Amino acid sequence: MARTDHETAAASTPRPPGRLYRAWDSDLAHAFRTSPVALVAGIVAVVIILAAALAPWIAPHDPFDPGSLVLMDGFTPPMTENEFTGNFYLLGTDDQGRDVFSAILYGARLSLFVGFSAVLFAMVLGVTLGLIAGYRGGWVDSLLMRIADVQLTFPSILIALLIFGVARGFIPPGYREAMAIWVLIVAIGLSDWVQYARVVRGATMVEKSKEYVQAARVIGAHPAKILARHILPNVMGPVLVIGTIGLALAIIAEATLSFLGVGVPPTQPSLGTLIRIGQGFLFSGEWWILLFPALALLALALSVNLLGDWLRDALNPRLR
């Protein structure tokens, strides 16, 4: 049976490209592929994140299981066999016989969880307050921005320390260790919401005067709907850039607090806790206990920071 002209034309018409192809062919993906720094930073960040996520399957030992620790393996240098047990450790062991490589994988997992959670909390809080301040204006805008100005006069790490200490004071002693990670997330998030709020407020003040927002007001759209469906998608570009850079800062803040002994509990050490433990053995000759966790933290923070710098330049139309 012969095909009609309509069927022949339909069969010869090429299919539109899929979403994956359009994403790969976008300007942002092209900018990423042509940037050697972004490629290397992306590969390093992905490798560390995947290794941390798959730590239970990659790590040779569970470093936080006291029953699996062998004290005779303590202070084993990297790439050597222990002279008493004959066990081989890639990056050596600490004073308790804990495998440093396994501890780094589990510590990076906890540091990434705290960092991502703190950035998400700060982003949600800051974007929400920035939208409200920019859209409402008046005394609401003045009150929120004055609070932000006061907070900017203090270093973020001091604010996080203050919030962490006050929150632990309200938690019963029996729950402090279990709630320490969540208190740390809230403390870091509350110390970093200001930058999101200020950027979103400025962008909202620009967007609310445009015609599409005025048209939504004329047809009687609720302010919450206007903010969520119309203004929010147009102000998320700078927020993503701040969030990427803020992830590196949140990871460093968590490591700083844990290094000071006010972060995650010793039973769930992060990279900052491992660095604090290794610092005590640096001058006695066991340098690897400090060096390898510090290098892991440096590689993670630097790669995420470089990705944030690249994303900022890629989304800036003036630099194209």
Foldseek 3Di string as FASTA:
>chain_A
DDDDPVVVVVVPDDDDDDPVVCVCPDLLNVLCVPDPLLVVLVVLQVVLQVLLVCLVPPPPDQQLDLVPWDQQQALAAAQDARPPPRDHAHLGHHNRRGRLVSLQSLQSNLLLVLLLLLLVLLLVVQLVLLLCLQPVPDPSVVVVVVVLVVLVVDDLLVQLVVQLVVVLVPDPPVCCQVCQSVSSSPSNSVSPNSVSSVQNSVQNNVVCPDDVNVVCVVVPHDSVCCVPPPRVVVSCLVSVLCSLLSSLVSSVSQLVCVLVVRHHDPSRHHLSVQLNSLVVCCVVPSVSSNPPSVVSSVSNSVSSNSNSVSSVLSPDVVND
